[in-house]
Amino acid sequence: MLWPYLVRTQQVVTATLGEDAVLNCELMKPEDVRQVTWQKETTRANENVATYSKRGPNVNLPFQGKVEFEDEGLQNCSIVIRGVSRGDESCYKCLFNTYPDGPISGRTCLRVNGKI
């Protein structure tokens, strides 16, 4: 069977300054997923935001209290960014670490608008 796209995400999510933004990420092909990692793209490198594995969720220190998992699972692993700020505006990658095929990723860019 052919899978036209492996990971379902939104290309761009737009949120208003101070509101919450949901970044969806769903693996469409059945795989043995070991871990899902969310990364924020920066000019220097990708910064790990959070991971989800069979042991449960883990949000990295700079993002604790700011980022939560909306859907907790190894096939569907969406996150919420609480009270978005200009500093949250970036592209984010969800990376499914699968066995034996290796990493499969999706990408969503967050745009932040000022309050009206």
PDB file of N, CA and C in Angstrom:
ATOM      1  N   MET A   1       0.839  -1.188   0.000  1.00  0.00           N
ATOM      2  CA  MET A   1       0.000   0.000   0.000  1.00  0.00           C
ATOM      3  C   MET A   1       0.883   1.250   0.000  1.00  0.00           C
ATOM      4  N   LEU A   2       0.533   2.231  -0.812  1.00  0.00           N
ATOM      5  CA  LEU A   2       1.284   3.487  -0.855  1.00  0.00           C
ATOM      6  C   LEU A   2       0.682   4.478   0.131  1.00  0.00           C
ATOM      7  N   TRP A   3       1.550   5.196   0.824  1.00  0.00           N
ATOM      8  CA  TRP A   3       1.120   6.217   1.785  1.00  0.00           C
ATOM      9  C   TRP A   3       1.504   7.569   1.198  1.00  0.00           C
ATOM     10  N   PRO A   4       0.534   8.349   0.684  1.00  0.00           N
ATOM     11  CA  PRO A   4       0.871   9.607   0.018  1.00  0.00           C
ATOM     12  C   PRO A   4       1.564  10.600   0.948  1.00  0.00           C
ATOM     13  N   TYR A   5       1.217  10.581   2.193  1.00  0.00           N
ATOM     14  CA  TYR A   5       1.925  11.376   3.195  1.00  0.00           C
ATOM     15  C   TYR A   5       1.937  10.553   4.469  1.00  0.00           C
ATOM     16  N   LEU A   6       3.065  10.568   5.148  1.00  0.00           N
ATOM     17  CA  LEU A   6       3.210   9.719   6.330  1.00  0.00           C
ATOM     18  C   LEU A   6       2.762  10.407   7.605  1.00  0.00           C
ATOM     19  N   VAL A   7       2.984  11.723   7.673  1.00  0.00           N
ATOM     20  CA  VAL A   7       2.658  12.472   8.883  1.00  0.00           C
ATOM     21  C   VAL A   7       1.671  13.578   8.525  1.00  0.00           C
ATOM     22  N   ARG A   8       0.556  13.629   9.270  1.00  0.00           N
ATOM     23  CA  ARG A   8      -0.434  14.680   9.031  1.00  0.00           C
ATOM     24  C   ARG A   8      -0.205  15.811  10.024  1.00  0.00           C
ATOM     25  N   THR A   9       0.066  16.991   9.478  1.00  0.00           N
ATOM     26  CA  THR A   9       0.216  18.213  10.271  1.00  0.00           C
ATOM     27  C   THR A   9      -0.476  19.341   9.513  1.00  0.00           C
ATOM     28  N   GLN A  10      -0.519  20.509  10.132  1.00  0.00           N
ATOM     29  CA  GLN A  10      -0.938  21.704   9.412  1.00  0.00           C
ATOM     30  C   GLN A  10       0.343  22.413   8.982  1.00  0.00           C
ATOM     31  N   GLN A  11       0.371  22.969   7.774  1.00  0.00           N
ATOM     32  CA  GLN A  11       1.573  23.670   7.337  1.00  0.00           C
ATOM     33  C   GLN A  11       1.816  24.910   8.186  1.00  0.00           C
ATOM     34  N   VAL A  12       0.738  25.657   8.441  1.00  0.00           N
ATOM     35  CA  VAL A  12       0.851  26.884   9.233  1.00  0.00           C
ATOM     36  C   VAL A  12      -0.298  26.932  10.235  1.00  0.00           C
ATOM     37  N   VAL A  13       0.036  27.256  11.481  1.00  0.00           N
ATOM     38  CA  VAL A  13      -0.957  27.508  12.524  1.00  0.00           C
ATOM     39  C   VAL A  13      -0.800  28.971  12.910  1.00  0.00           C
ATOM     40  N   THR A  14      -1.911  29.708  12.916  1.00  0.00           N
ATOM     41  CA  THR A  14      -1.877  31.115  13.295  1.00  0.00           C
ATOM     42  C   THR A  14      -2.581  31.279  14.637  1.00  0.00           C
ATOM     43  N   ALA A  15      -1.922  31.974  15.557  1.00  0.00           N
ATOM     44  CA  ALA A  15      -2.494  32.217  16.884  1.00  0.00           C
ATOM     45  C   ALA A  15      -2.348  33.695  17.219  1.00  0.00           C
ATOM     46  N   THR A  16      -3.247  34.184  18.061  1.00  0.00           N
ATOM     47  CA  THR A  16      -3.185  35.565  18.528  1.00  0.00           C
ATOM     48  C   THR A  16      -2.321  35.627  19.776  1.00  0.00           C
ATOM     49  N   LEU A  17      -1.529  36.670  19.870  1.00  0.00           N
ATOM     50  CA  LEU A  17      -0.646  36.902  21.003  1.00  0.00           C
ATOM     51  C   LEU A  17      -1.399  36.667  22.315  1.00  0.00           C
ATOM     52  N   GLY A  18      -0.850  35.820  23.183  1.00  0.00           N
ATOM     53  CA  GLY A  18      -1.456  35.540  24.478  1.00  0.00           C
ATOM     54  C   GLY A  18      -2.425  34.368  24.496  1.00  0.00           C
ATOM     55  N   GLU A  19      -2.850  33.908  23.322  1.00  0.00           N
ATOM     56  CA  GLU A  19      -3.766  32.770  23.263  1.00  0.00           C
ATOM     57  C   GLU A  19      -2.985  31.466  23.138  1.00  0.00           C
ATOM     58  N   ASP A  20      -3.702  30.349  23.205  1.00  0.00           N
ATOM     59  CA  ASP A  20      -3.074  29.033  23.075  1.00  0.00           C
ATOM     60  C   ASP A  20      -3.056  28.601  21.614  1.00  0.00           C
ATOM     61  N   ALA A  21      -2.040  27.834  21.253  1.00  0.00           N
ATOM     62  CA  ALA A  21      -1.935  27.292  19.897  1.00  0.00           C
ATOM     63  C   ALA A  21      -1.778  25.781  19.983  1.00  0.00           C
ATOM     64  N   VAL A  22      -2.535  25.063  19.162  1.00  0.00           N
ATOM     65  CA  VAL A  22      -2.443  23.604  19.104  1.00  0.00           C
ATOM     66  C   VAL A  22      -1.694  23.220  17.831  1.00  0.00           C
ATOM     67  N   LEU A  23      -0.621  22.448  18.003  1.00  0.00           N
ATOM     68  CA  LEU A  23       0.137  21.930  16.869  1.00  0.00           C
ATOM     69  C   LEU A  23      -0.154  20.435  16.773  1.00  0.00           C
ATOM     70  N   ASN A  24      -0.840  20.049  15.714  1.00  0.00           N
ATOM     71  CA  ASN A  24      -1.236  18.653  15.529  1.00  0.00           C
ATOM     72  C   ASN A  24      -0.165  17.868  14.794  1.00  0.00           C
ATOM     73  N   CYS A  25      -0.047  16.606  15.157  1.00  0.00           N
ATOM     74  CA  CYS A  25       0.907  15.729  14.492  1.00  0.00           C
ATOM     75  C   CYS A  25       0.419  14.293  14.632  1.00  0.00           C
ATOM     76  N   GLU A  26       0.148  13.670  13.491  1.00  0.00           N
ATOM     77  CA  GLU A  26      -0.381  12.307  13.507  1.00  0.00           C
ATOM     78  C   GLU A  26       0.334  11.462  12.463  1.00  0.00           C
ATOM     79  N   LEU A  27       0.831  10.321  12.883  1.00  0.00           N
ATOM     80  CA  LEU A  27       1.474   9.372  11.977  1.00  0.00           C
ATOM     81  C   LEU A  27       0.383   8.552  11.302  1.00  0.00           C
ATOM     82  N   MET A  28       0.331   8.614   9.966  1.00  0.00           N
ATOM     83  CA  MET A  28      -0.753   7.986   9.222  1.00  0.00           C
ATOM     84  C   MET A  28      -0.481   6.523   8.876  1.00  0.00           C
ATOM     85  N   LYS A  29       0.760   6.110   8.917  1.00  0.00           N
ATOM     86  CA  LYS A  29       1.138   4.739   8.571  1.00  0.00           C
ATOM     87  C   LYS A  29       1.391   3.968   9.859  1.00  0.00           C
ATOM     88  N   PRO A  30       0.800   2.795  10.024  1.00  0.00           N
ATOM     89  CA  PRO A  30       1.061   2.024  11.245  1.00  0.00           C
ATOM     90  C   PRO A  30       2.545   1.653  11.341  1.00  0.00           C
ATOM     91  N   GLU A  31       3.178   2.067  12.405  1.00  0.00           N
ATOM     92  CA  GLU A  31       4.604   1.818  12.627  1.00  0.00           C
ATOM     93  C   GLU A  31       4.823   1.460  14.089  1.00  0.00           C
ATOM     94  N   ASP A  32       5.953   0.838  14.365  1.00  0.00           N
ATOM     95  CA  ASP A  32       6.372   0.588  15.741  1.00  0.00           C
ATOM     96  C   ASP A  32       7.128   1.830  16.212  1.00  0.00           C
ATOM     97  N   VAL A  33       6.398   2.753  16.841  1.00  0.00           N
ATOM     98  CA  VAL A  33       6.986   4.018  17.283  1.00  0.00           C
ATOM     99  C   VAL A  33       7.567   3.836  18.677  1.00  0.00           C
ATOM    100  N   ARG A  34       8.824   4.208  18.832  1.00  0.00           N
ATOM    101  CA  ARG A  34       9.496   4.108  20.127  1.00  0.00           C
ATOM    102  C   ARG A  34       9.369   5.405  20.915  1.00  0.00           C
ATOM    103  N   GLN A  35       9.400   6.532  20.200  1.00  0.00           N
ATOM    104  CA  GLN A  35       9.360   7.836  20.862  1.00  0.00           C
ATOM    105  C   GLN A  35       8.971   8.895  19.842  1.00  0.00           C
ATOM    106  N   VAL A  36       8.278   9.930  20.321  1.00  0.00           N
ATOM    107  CA  VAL A  36       7.967  11.098  19.500  1.00  0.00           C
ATOM    108  C   VAL A  36       8.660  12.292  20.138  1.00  0.00           C
ATOM    109  N   THR A  37       9.386  13.055  19.339  1.00  0.00           N
ATOM    110  CA  THR A  37      10.090  14.239  19.820  1.00  0.00           C
ATOM    111  C   THR A  37       9.590  15.463  19.069  1.00  0.00           C
ATOM    112  N   TRP A  38       9.248  16.507  19.825  1.00  0.00           N
ATOM    113  CA  TRP A  38       8.924  17.801  19.228  1.00  0.00           C
ATOM    114  C   TRP A  38      10.162  18.683  19.322  1.00  0.00           C
ATOM    115  N   GLN A  39      10.492  19.354  18.220  1.00  0.00           N
ATOM    116  CA  GLN A  39      11.649  20.247  18.179  1.00  0.00           C
ATOM    117  C   GLN A  39      11.230  21.607  17.636  1.00  0.00           C
ATOM    118  N   LYS A  40      11.846  22.648  18.190  1.00  0.00           N
ATOM    119  CA  LYS A  40      11.659  24.007  17.691  1.00  0.00           C
ATOM    120  C   LYS A  40      12.865  24.344  16.826  1.00  0.00           C
ATOM    121  N   GLU A  41      12.603  24.783  15.599  1.00  0.00           N
ATOM    122  CA  GLU A  41      13.693  25.141  14.704  1.00  0.00           C
ATOM    123  C   GLU A  41      14.218  26.529  15.072  1.00  0.00           C
ATOM    124  N   THR A  42      15.534  26.619  15.249  1.00  0.00           N
ATOM    125  CA  THR A  42      16.177  27.904  15.518  1.00  0.00           C
ATOM    126  C   THR A  42      17.280  28.107  14.487  1.00  0.00           C
ATOM    127  N   THR A  43      17.886  29.278  14.485  1.00  0.00           N
ATOM    128  CA  THR A  43      18.937  29.559  13.503  1.00  0.00           C
ATOM    129  C   THR A  43      20.166  28.699  13.737  1.00  0.00           C
ATOM    130  N   ARG A  44      20.427  28.329  14.975  1.00  0.00           N
ATOM    131  CA  ARG A  44      21.615  27.529  15.287  1.00  0.00           C
ATOM    132  C   ARG A  44      21.372  26.038  15.093  1.00  0.00           C
ATOM    133  N   ALA A  45      20.308  25.529  15.660  1.00  0.00           N
ATOM    134  CA  ALA A  45      20.019  24.092  15.613  1.00  0.00           C
ATOM    135  C   ALA A  45      18.571  23.883  16.030  1.00  0.00           C
ATOM    136  N   ASN A  46      18.123  22.654  15.980  1.00  0.00           N
ATOM    137  CA  ASN A  46      16.786  22.339  16.473  1.00  0.00           C
ATOM    138  C   ASN A  46      16.854  22.117  17.978  1.00  0.00           C
ATOM    139  N   GLU A  47      15.943  22.772  18.697  1.00  0.00           N
ATOM    140  CA  GLU A  47      15.910  22.682  20.157  1.00  0.00           C
ATOM    141  C   GLU A  47      14.806  21.705  20.564  1.00  0.00           C
ATOM    142  N   ASN A  48      15.142  20.696  21.352  1.00  0.00           N
ATOM    143  CA  ASN A  48      14.141  19.735  21.811  1.00  0.00           C
ATOM    144  C   ASN A  48      13.172  20.405  22.779  1.00  0.00           C
ATOM    145  N   VAL A  49      11.886  20.284  22.478  1.00  0.00           N
ATOM    146  CA  VAL A  49      10.830  20.875  23.290  1.00  0.00           C
ATOM    147  C   VAL A  49      10.260  19.835  24.253  1.00  0.00           C
ATOM    148  N   ALA A  50       9.861  18.689  23.704  1.00  0.00           N
ATOM    149  CA  ALA A  50       9.196  17.661  24.508  1.00  0.00           C
ATOM    150  C   ALA A  50       9.310  16.314  23.812  1.00  0.00           C
ATOM    151  N   THR A  51       9.199  15.259  24.615  1.00  0.00           N
ATOM    152  CA  THR A  51       9.191  13.904  24.065  1.00  0.00           C
ATOM    153  C   THR A  51       8.044  13.117  24.684  1.00  0.00           C
ATOM    154  N   TYR A  52       7.578  12.149  23.923  1.00  0.00           N
ATOM    155  CA  TYR A  52       6.580  11.220  24.431  1.00  0.00           C
ATOM    156  C   TYR A  52       7.039   9.817  24.071  1.00  0.00           C
ATOM    157  N   SER A  53       7.061   8.938  25.072  1.00  0.00           N
ATOM    158  CA  SER A  53       7.451   7.545  24.850  1.00  0.00           C
ATOM    159  C   SER A  53       6.499   6.654  25.638  1.00  0.00           C
ATOM    160  N   LYS A  54       6.764   5.368  25.639  1.00  0.00           N
ATOM    161  CA  LYS A  54       5.918   4.432  26.394  1.00  0.00           C
ATOM    162  C   LYS A  54       5.930   4.742  27.885  1.00  0.00           C
ATOM    163  N   ARG A  55       6.966   5.453  28.344  1.00  0.00           N
ATOM    164  CA  ARG A  55       7.044   5.850  29.761  1.00  0.00           C
ATOM    165  C   ARG A  55       6.226   7.099  30.051  1.00  0.00           C
ATOM    166  N   GLY A  56       5.689   7.727  29.000  1.00  0.00           N
ATOM    167  CA  GLY A  56       4.866   8.911  29.187  1.00  0.00           C
ATOM    168  C   GLY A  56       5.515  10.174  28.659  1.00  0.00           C
ATOM    169  N   PRO A  57       4.902  11.339  28.959  1.00  0.00           N
ATOM    170  CA  PRO A  57       5.383  12.606  28.424  1.00  0.00           C
ATOM    171  C   PRO A  57       6.539  13.181  29.234  1.00  0.00           C
ATOM    172  N   ASN A  58       7.384  13.941  28.556  1.00  0.00           N
ATOM    173  CA  ASN A  58       8.459  14.680  29.213  1.00  0.00           C
ATOM    174  C   ASN A  58       8.646  16.001  28.472  1.00  0.00           C
ATOM    175  N   VAL A  59       8.425  17.110  29.179  1.00  0.00           N
ATOM    176  CA  VAL A  59       8.623  18.438  28.598  1.00  0.00           C
ATOM    177  C   VAL A  59       9.940  18.980  29.123  1.00  0.00           C
ATOM    178  N   ASN A  60      10.805  19.421  28.227  1.00  0.00           N
ATOM    179  CA  ASN A  60      12.120  19.922  28.628  1.00  0.00           C
ATOM    180  C   ASN A  60      11.995  21.233  29.398  1.00  0.00           C
ATOM    181  N   LEU A  61      12.964  21.465  30.291  1.00  0.00           N
ATOM    182  CA  LEU A  61      12.914  22.567  31.256  1.00  0.00           C
ATOM    183  C   LEU A  61      12.496  23.922  30.698  1.00  0.00           C
ATOM    184  N   PRO A  62      13.108  24.440  29.659  1.00  0.00           N
ATOM    185  CA  PRO A  62      12.702  25.791  29.247  1.00  0.00           C
ATOM    186  C   PRO A  62      11.236  25.883  28.820  1.00  0.00           C
ATOM    187  N   PHE A  63      10.609  24.745  28.523  1.00  0.00           N
ATOM    188  CA  PHE A  63       9.246  24.742  28.002  1.00  0.00           C
ATOM    189  C   PHE A  63       8.211  24.246  29.014  1.00  0.00           C
ATOM    190  N   GLN A  64       8.649  23.851  30.215  1.00  0.00           N
ATOM    191  CA  GLN A  64       7.706  23.372  31.227  1.00  0.00           C
ATOM    192  C   GLN A  64       6.783  24.510  31.654  1.00  0.00           C
ATOM    193  N   GLY A  65       5.490  24.212  31.752  1.00  0.00           N
ATOM    194  CA  GLY A  65       4.496  25.226  32.079  1.00  0.00           C
ATOM    195  C   GLY A  65       4.032  25.998  30.856  1.00  0.00           C
ATOM    196  N   LYS A  66       4.730  25.852  29.756  1.00  0.00           N
ATOM    197  CA  LYS A  66       4.402  26.552  28.514  1.00  0.00           C
ATOM    198  C   LYS A  66       3.822  25.590  27.475  1.00  0.00           C
ATOM    199  N   VAL A  67       4.368  24.366  27.437  1.00  0.00           N
ATOM    200  CA  VAL A  67       3.972  23.362  26.448  1.00  0.00           C
ATOM    201  C   VAL A  67       3.402  22.141  27.164  1.00  0.00           C
ATOM    202  N   GLU A  68       2.285  21.641  26.654  1.00  0.00           N
ATOM    203  CA  GLU A  68       1.669  20.420  27.178  1.00  0.00           C
ATOM    204  C   GLU A  68       1.272  19.542  26.002  1.00  0.00           C
ATOM    205  N   PHE A  69       1.161  18.250  26.266  1.00  0.00           N
ATOM    206  CA  PHE A  69       0.649  17.344  25.247  1.00  0.00           C
ATOM    207  C   PHE A  69      -0.866  17.379  25.273  1.00  0.00           C
ATOM    208  N   GLU A  70      -1.472  17.610  24.118  1.00  0.00           N
ATOM    209  CA  GLU A  70      -2.933  17.562  24.023  1.00  0.00           C
ATOM    210  C   GLU A  70      -3.374  16.123  23.773  1.00  0.00           C
ATOM    211  N   ASP A  71      -2.726  15.471  22.836  1.00  0.00           N
ATOM    212  CA  ASP A  71      -2.981  14.058  22.568  1.00  0.00           C
ATOM    213  C   ASP A  71      -1.738  13.296  22.972  1.00  0.00           C
ATOM    214  N   GLU A  72      -1.891  12.383  23.895  1.00  0.00           N
ATOM    215  CA  GLU A  72      -0.754  11.584  24.347  1.00  0.00           C
ATOM    216  C   GLU A  72      -0.847  10.216  23.710  1.00  0.00           C
ATOM    217  N   GLY A  73       0.064   9.960  22.797  1.00  0.00           N
ATOM    218  CA  GLY A  73       0.094   8.671  22.132  1.00  0.00           C
ATOM    219  C   GLY A  73       1.278   8.614  21.198  1.00  0.00           C
ATOM    220  N   LEU A  74       1.605   7.418  20.780  1.00  0.00           N
ATOM    221  CA  LEU A  74       2.765   7.246  19.920  1.00  0.00           C
ATOM    222  C   LEU A  74       2.409   7.346  18.438  1.00  0.00           C
ATOM    223  N   GLN A  75       1.138   7.429  18.101  1.00  0.00           N
ATOM    224  CA  GLN A  75       0.724   7.624  16.709  1.00  0.00           C
ATOM    225  C   GLN A  75       0.182   9.039  16.497  1.00  0.00           C
ATOM    226  N   ASN A  76      -0.409   9.617  17.537  1.00  0.00           N
ATOM    227  CA  ASN A  76      -0.968  10.965  17.469  1.00  0.00           C
ATOM    228  C   ASN A  76      -0.458  11.724  18.681  1.00  0.00           C
ATOM    229  N   CYS A  77       0.342  12.729  18.458  1.00  0.00           N
ATOM    230  CA  CYS A  77       1.069  13.367  19.558  1.00  0.00           C
ATOM    231  C   CYS A  77       1.040  14.888  19.401  1.00  0.00           C
ATOM    232  N   SER A  78      -0.133  15.485  19.572  1.00  0.00           N
ATOM    233  CA  SER A  78      -0.280  16.928  19.408  1.00  0.00           C
ATOM    234  C   SER A  78       0.117  17.661  20.684  1.00  0.00           C
ATOM    235  N   ILE A  79       0.619  18.889  20.520  1.00  0.00           N
ATOM    236  CA  ILE A  79       0.990  19.705  21.675  1.00  0.00           C
ATOM    237  C   ILE A  79       0.218  21.017  21.672  1.00  0.00           C
ATOM    238  N   VAL A  80       0.132  21.623  22.857  1.00  0.00           N
ATOM    239  CA  VAL A  80      -0.458  22.948  23.034  1.00  0.00           C
ATOM    240  C   VAL A  80       0.633  23.863  23.557  1.00  0.00           C
ATOM    241  N   ILE A  81       0.771  25.032  22.929  1.00  0.00           N
ATOM    242  CA  ILE A  81       1.670  26.072  23.438  1.00  0.00           C
ATOM    243  C   ILE A  81       0.778  27.101  24.108  1.00  0.00           C
ATOM    244  N   ARG A  82       0.921  27.262  25.414  1.00  0.00           N
ATOM    245  CA  ARG A  82       0.062  28.147  26.208  1.00  0.00           C
ATOM    246  C   ARG A  82       0.530  29.601  26.102  1.00  0.00           C
ATOM    247  N   GLY A  83      -0.419  30.499  25.975  1.00  0.00           N
ATOM    248  CA  GLY A  83      -0.128  31.930  25.987  1.00  0.00           C
ATOM    249  C   GLY A  83       0.997  32.324  25.040  1.00  0.00           C
ATOM    250  N   VAL A  84       0.784  32.112  23.743  1.00  0.00           N
ATOM    251  CA  VAL A  84       1.874  32.321  22.783  1.00  0.00           C
ATOM    252  C   VAL A  84       2.423  33.746  22.832  1.00  0.00           C
ATOM    253  N   SER A  85       3.730  33.821  22.636  1.00  0.00           N
ATOM    254  CA  SER A  85       4.432  35.104  22.573  1.00  0.00           C
ATOM    255  C   SER A  85       5.167  35.175  21.239  1.00  0.00           C
ATOM    256  N   ARG A  86       5.748  36.320  20.951  1.00  0.00           N
ATOM    257  CA  ARG A  86       6.524  36.472  19.704  1.00  0.00           C
ATOM    258  C   ARG A  86       7.672  35.468  19.652  1.00  0.00           C
ATOM    259  N   GLY A  87       8.241  35.139  20.808  1.00  0.00           N
ATOM    260  CA  GLY A  87       9.351  34.194  20.865  1.00  0.00           C
ATOM    261  C   GLY A  87       8.961  32.771  20.488  1.00  0.00           C
ATOM    262  N   ASP A  88       7.657  32.477  20.502  1.00  0.00           N
ATOM    263  CA  ASP A  88       7.186  31.142  20.123  1.00  0.00           C
ATOM    264  C   ASP A  88       7.046  30.993  18.611  1.00  0.00           C
ATOM    265  N   GLU A  89       7.051  32.120  17.905  1.00  0.00           N
ATOM    266  CA  GLU A  89       6.886  32.080  16.451  1.00  0.00           C
ATOM    267  C   GLU A  89       8.099  31.410  15.819  1.00  0.00           C
ATOM    268  N   SER A  90       7.850  30.265  15.204  1.00  0.00           N
ATOM    269  CA  SER A  90       8.922  29.461  14.609  1.00  0.00           C
ATOM    270  C   SER A  90       8.273  28.282  13.902  1.00  0.00           C
ATOM    271  N   CYS A  91       9.103  27.439  13.324  1.00  0.00           N
ATOM    272  CA  CYS A  91       8.614  26.168  12.795  1.00  0.00           C
ATOM    273  C   CYS A  91       8.984  25.071  13.780  1.00  0.00           C
ATOM    274  N   TYR A  92       8.097  24.109  13.907  1.00  0.00           N
ATOM    275  CA  TYR A  92       8.266  23.005  14.851  1.00  0.00           C
ATOM    276  C   TYR A  92       8.199  21.686  14.089  1.00  0.00           C
ATOM    277  N   LYS A  93       9.043  20.754  14.486  1.00  0.00           N
ATOM    278  CA  LYS A  93       9.063  19.424  13.880  1.00  0.00           C
ATOM    279  C   LYS A  93       8.597  18.391  14.886  1.00  0.00           C
ATOM    280  N   CYS A  94       7.736  17.483  14.437  1.00  0.00           N
ATOM    281  CA  CYS A  94       7.425  16.307  15.243  1.00  0.00           C
ATOM    282  C   CYS A  94       8.135  15.140  14.573  1.00  0.00           C
ATOM    283  N   LEU A  95       8.907  14.449  15.358  1.00  0.00           N
ATOM    284  CA  LEU A  95       9.783  13.396  14.852  1.00  0.00           C
ATOM    285  C   LEU A  95       9.385  12.067  15.486  1.00  0.00           C
ATOM    286  N   PHE A  96       8.863  11.163  14.675  1.00  0.00           N
ATOM    287  CA  PHE A  96       8.499   9.827  15.141  1.00  0.00           C
ATOM    288  C   PHE A  96       9.709   8.919  14.965  1.00  0.00           C
ATOM    289  N   ASN A  97      10.257   8.428  16.060  1.00  0.00           N
ATOM    290  CA  ASN A  97      11.375   7.486  15.993  1.00  0.00           C
ATOM    291  C   ASN A  97      10.796   6.084  15.924  1.00  0.00           C
ATOM    292  N   THR A  98      10.908   5.459  14.748  1.00  0.00           N
ATOM    293  CA  THR A  98      10.283   4.161  14.522  1.00  0.00           C
ATOM    294  C   THR A  98      11.328   3.065  14.371  1.00  0.00           C
ATOM    295  N   TYR A  99      10.869   1.850  14.624  1.00  0.00           N
ATOM    296  CA  TYR A  99      11.737   0.684  14.435  1.00  0.00           C
ATOM    297  C   TYR A  99      11.036  -0.258  13.468  1.00  0.00           C
ATOM    298  N   PRO A 100      11.672  -0.736  12.438  1.00  0.00           N
ATOM    299  CA  PRO A 100      13.098  -0.590  12.104  1.00  0.00           C
ATOM    300  C   PRO A 100      13.377   0.521  11.095  1.00  0.00           C
ATOM    301  N   ASP A 101      12.334   1.285  10.684  1.00  0.00           N
ATOM    302  CA  ASP A 101      12.497   2.232   9.572  1.00  0.00           C
ATOM    303  C   ASP A 101      13.253   3.509   9.905  1.00  0.00           C
ATOM    304  N   GLY A 102      13.359   3.864  11.184  1.00  0.00           N
ATOM    305  CA  GLY A 102      14.049   5.098  11.551  1.00  0.00           C
ATOM    306  C   GLY A 102      13.084   6.268  11.661  1.00  0.00           C
ATOM    307  N   PRO A 103      13.618   7.496  11.657  1.00  0.00           N
ATOM    308  CA  PRO A 103      12.792   8.675  11.915  1.00  0.00           C
ATOM    309  C   PRO A 103      11.883   9.057  10.744  1.00  0.00           C
ATOM    310  N   ILE A 104      10.669   9.469  11.102  1.00  0.00           N
ATOM    311  CA  ILE A 104       9.694  10.012  10.158  1.00  0.00           C
ATOM    312  C   ILE A 104       9.221  11.324  10.775  1.00  0.00           C
ATOM    313  N   SER A 105       9.243  12.416  10.003  1.00  0.00           N
ATOM    314  CA  SER A 105       8.927  13.707  10.626  1.00  0.00           C
ATOM    315  C   SER A 105       7.875  14.489   9.852  1.00  0.00           C
ATOM    316  N   GLY A 106       7.247  15.411  10.589  1.00  0.00           N
ATOM    317  CA  GLY A 106       6.319  16.376  10.035  1.00  0.00           C
ATOM    318  C   GLY A 106       6.721  17.755  10.536  1.00  0.00           C
ATOM    319  N   ARG A 107       6.195  18.806   9.897  1.00  0.00           N
ATOM    320  CA  ARG A 107       6.622  20.169  10.234  1.00  0.00           C
ATOM    321  C   ARG A 107       5.419  21.104  10.207  1.00  0.00           C
ATOM    322  N   THR A 108       5.328  21.961  11.214  1.00  0.00           N
ATOM    323  CA  THR A 108       4.289  22.978  11.318  1.00  0.00           C
ATOM    324  C   THR A 108       4.945  24.296  11.700  1.00  0.00           C
ATOM    325  N   CYS A 109       4.536  25.369  11.052  1.00  0.00           N
ATOM    326  CA  CYS A 109       5.062  26.691  11.401  1.00  0.00           C
ATOM    327  C   CYS A 109       3.992  27.472  12.161  1.00  0.00           C
ATOM    328  N   LEU A 110       4.395  28.078  13.271  1.00  0.00           N
ATOM    329  CA  LEU A 110       3.501  28.882  14.102  1.00  0.00           C
ATOM    330  C   LEU A 110       3.721  30.352  13.786  1.00  0.00           C
ATOM    331  N   ARG A 111       2.631  31.026  13.430  1.00  0.00           N
ATOM    332  CA  ARG A 111       2.646  32.473  13.199  1.00  0.00           C
ATOM    333  C   ARG A 111       1.848  33.129  14.324  1.00  0.00           C
ATOM    334  N   VAL A 112       2.375  34.213  14.857  1.00  0.00           N
ATOM    335  CA  VAL A 112       1.727  34.902  15.973  1.00  0.00           C
ATOM    336  C   VAL A 112       1.276  36.283  15.511  1.00  0.00           C
ATOM    337  N   ASN A 113      -0.030  36.552  15.662  1.00  0.00           N
ATOM    338  CA  ASN A 113      -0.592  37.860  15.332  1.00  0.00           C
ATOM    339  C   ASN A 113      -0.763  38.670  16.604  1.00  0.00           C
ATOM    340  N   GLY A 114      -0.659  39.992  16.494  1.00  0.00           N
ATOM    341  CA  GLY A 114      -0.915  40.862  17.631  1.00  0.00           C
ATOM    342  C   GLY A 114      -2.398  40.892  17.949  1.00  0.00           C
ATOM    343  N   LYS A 115      -2.736  41.313  19.178  1.00  0.00           N
ATOM    344  CA  LYS A 115      -4.153  41.402  19.570  1.00  0.00           C
ATOM    345  C   LYS A 115      -4.829  42.513  18.786  1.00  0.00           C
ATOM    346  N   ILE A 116      -6.103  42.256  18.473  1.00  0.00           N
ATOM    347  CA  ILE A 116      -6.875  43.239  17.688  1.00  0.00           C
ATOM    348  C   ILE A 116      -7.527  44.229  18.620  1.00  0.00           C
TER     349      ILE A 116
END
